[in-house]
C-alpha atoms as a PDB file:
ATOM      1  CA  MET A   1      -7.038 -36.651   1.091  1.00  0.00           C
ATOM      2  CA  LYS A   2      -8.315 -36.128   4.274  1.00  0.00           C
ATOM      3  CA  SER A   3     -10.833 -33.488   5.374  1.00  0.00           C
ATOM      4  CA  LEU A   4      -9.890 -30.751   7.964  1.00  0.00           C
ATOM      5  CA  LYS A   5     -12.268 -31.010  11.386  1.00  0.00           C
ATOM      6  CA  ASN A   6     -13.792 -28.023  12.364  1.00  0.00           C
ATOM      7  CA  ASP A   7     -11.315 -27.374  15.077  1.00  0.00           C
ATOM      8  CA  GLU A   8      -8.371 -27.646  12.403  1.00  0.00           C
ATOM      9  CA  ALA A   9      -9.861 -25.367   9.740  1.00  0.00           C
ATOM     10  CA  ASP A  10     -10.435 -22.632  12.616  1.00  0.00           C
ATOM     11  CA  GLU A  11      -6.768 -22.229  13.240  1.00  0.00           C
ATOM     12  CA  TYR A  12      -6.385 -20.891   9.639  1.00  0.00           C
ATOM     13  CA  ILE A  13      -8.971 -18.198   9.993  1.00  0.00           C
ATOM     14  CA  PRO A  14      -6.924 -15.432  11.549  1.00  0.00           C
ATOM     15  CA  LEU A  15      -4.255 -16.032   8.722  1.00  0.00           C
ATOM     16  CA  SER A  16      -7.027 -15.597   6.004  1.00  0.00           C
ATOM     17  CA  ILE A  17      -8.134 -12.590   7.510  1.00  0.00           C
ATOM     18  CA  TYR A  18      -4.848 -11.103   7.615  1.00  0.00           C
ATOM     19  CA  PHE A  19      -4.395 -11.852   4.060  1.00  0.00           C
ATOM     20  CA  THR A  20      -7.721 -10.589   3.286  1.00  0.00           C
ATOM     21  CA  ILE A  21      -7.173  -7.231   5.114  1.00  0.00           C
ATOM     22  CA  LEU A  22      -3.651  -6.867   3.241  1.00  0.00           C
ATOM     23  CA  GLN A  23      -5.177  -7.558  -0.207  1.00  0.00           C
ATOM     24  CA  ILE A  24      -8.101  -5.039   0.477  1.00  0.00           C
ATOM     25  CA  LEU A  25      -5.759  -2.288   1.775  1.00  0.00           C
ATOM     26  CA  PHE A  26      -3.398  -2.603  -1.312  1.00  0.00           C
ATOM     27  CA  TYR A  27      -6.699  -2.859  -3.565  1.00  0.00           C
ATOM     28  CA  PHE A  28      -8.102   0.442  -1.883  1.00  0.00           C
ATOM     29  CA  SER A  29      -5.021   2.173  -1.862  1.00  0.00           C
ATOM     30  CA  PHE A  30      -4.975   1.780  -5.408  1.00  0.00           C
ATOM     31  CA  ILE A  31      -8.381   2.850  -6.122  1.00  0.00           C
ATOM     32  CA  LEU A  32      -8.056   5.818  -3.889  1.00  0.00           C
ATOM     33  CA  LEU A  33      -4.583   7.128  -5.822  1.00  0.00           C
ATOM     34  CA  GLY A  34      -6.477   6.556  -8.962  1.00  0.00           C
ATOM     35  CA  CYS A  35      -9.449   8.871  -7.573  1.00  0.00           C
ATOM     36  CA  PHE A  36      -7.402  11.499  -6.008  1.00  0.00           C
ATOM     37  CA  PHE A  37      -4.211  11.196  -7.641  1.00  0.00           C
ATOM     38  CA  ASN A  38      -4.619  10.151 -11.102  1.00  0.00           C
ATOM     39  CA  GLU A  39      -1.739  12.277 -12.619  1.00  0.00           C
ATOM     40  CA  PHE A  40       0.642  10.650 -10.650  1.00  0.00           C
ATOM     41  CA  LEU A  41      -0.647   7.136 -11.837  1.00  0.00           C
ATOM     42  CA  ALA A  42      -0.338   8.772 -15.367  1.00  0.00           C
ATOM     43  CA  THR A  43       3.847   9.064 -14.896  1.00  0.00           C
ATOM     44  CA  GLN A  44       5.446   6.801 -16.939  1.00  0.00           C
ATOM     45  CA  ILE A  45       7.915   4.320 -15.657  1.00  0.00           C
ATOM     46  CA  ALA A  46      11.142   4.924 -17.290  1.00  0.00           C
ATOM     47  CA  VAL A  47      12.773   1.468 -17.854  1.00  0.00           C
ATOM     48  CA  LEU A  48       9.681  -0.075 -18.814  1.00  0.00           C
ATOM     49  CA  ASN A  49       8.044   2.496 -20.624  1.00  0.00           C
ATOM     50  CA  ILE A  50       4.550   1.802 -18.862  1.00  0.00           C
ATOM     51  CA  PRO A  51       2.366   3.910 -16.953  1.00  0.00           C
ATOM     52  CA  LEU A  52       2.668   3.561 -13.419  1.00  0.00           C
ATOM     53  CA  SER A  53      -1.081   2.618 -13.012  1.00  0.00           C
ATOM     54  CA  PHE A  54      -0.736  -0.522 -14.862  1.00  0.00           C
ATOM     55  CA  ALA A  55       2.175  -1.848 -13.143  1.00  0.00           C
ATOM     56  CA  MET A  56       0.367  -1.127  -9.697  1.00  0.00           C
ATOM     57  CA  GLY A  57      -2.805  -2.775 -11.140  1.00  0.00           C
ATOM     58  CA  LEU A  58      -0.699  -5.909 -11.869  1.00  0.00           C
ATOM     59  CA  ALA A  59       0.705  -5.826  -8.459  1.00  0.00           C
ATOM     60  CA  VAL A  60      -2.309  -5.910  -7.056  1.00  0.00           C
ATOM     61  CA  ILE A  61      -3.287  -9.089  -9.250  1.00  0.00           C
ATOM     62  CA  LEU A  62       0.137 -10.590  -8.380  1.00  0.00           C
ATOM     63  CA  LEU A  63      -0.409  -9.695  -4.544  1.00  0.00           C
ATOM     64  CA  GLY A  64      -3.384 -11.675  -4.746  1.00  0.00           C
ATOM     65  CA  THR A  65      -2.106 -14.645  -6.355  1.00  0.00           C
ATOM     66  CA  PHE A  66       1.106 -14.560  -4.109  1.00  0.00           C
ATOM     67  CA  LEU A  67      -1.070 -14.672  -0.902  1.00  0.00           C
ATOM     68  CA  THR A  68      -3.202 -17.413  -2.394  1.00  0.00           C
ATOM     69  CA  VAL A  69      -0.405 -19.301  -2.956  1.00  0.00           C
ATOM     70  CA  ILE A  70       1.107 -18.822   0.559  1.00  0.00           C
ATOM     71  CA  TYR A  71      -1.845 -19.658   2.233  1.00  0.00           C
ATOM     72  CA  VAL A  72      -2.290 -23.110   0.258  1.00  0.00           C
ATOM     73  CA  ILE A  73       1.300 -23.898   1.295  1.00  0.00           C
ATOM     74  CA  VAL A  74       0.702 -22.766   4.788  1.00  0.00           C
ATOM     75  CA  VAL A  75      -2.509 -25.065   5.110  1.00  0.00           C
ATOM     76  CA  ASN A  76      -1.093 -28.013   3.041  1.00  0.00           C
ATOM     77  CA  ARG A  77       2.203 -28.178   5.031  1.00  0.00           C
ATOM     78  CA  ASN A  78       0.015 -28.241   8.472  1.00  0.00           C
ATOM     79  CA  GLU A  79      -2.597 -30.804   6.704  1.00  0.00           C
ATOM     80  CA  GLU A  80       0.435 -33.321   5.989  1.00  0.00           C
ATOM     81  CA  SER A  81       1.588 -33.440   9.453  1.00  0.00           C
END
């Protein structure tokens, strides 16, 4: 397993910043909806019979996992070449 040189590691910083900003925006939009529009989040999703707040909270977690997987794939693909 080779380690990244400083220059190689620096090229992934913009990608990680974009992913972090996306995650923060999604998370805080969920929090703001909970603070100001909690009756909207209390609505039930008809097909699943769960509240919208649960689905959105799960989406926040899954987005973080998805972004992490994408980042690891991109970094590993470029590290191998």
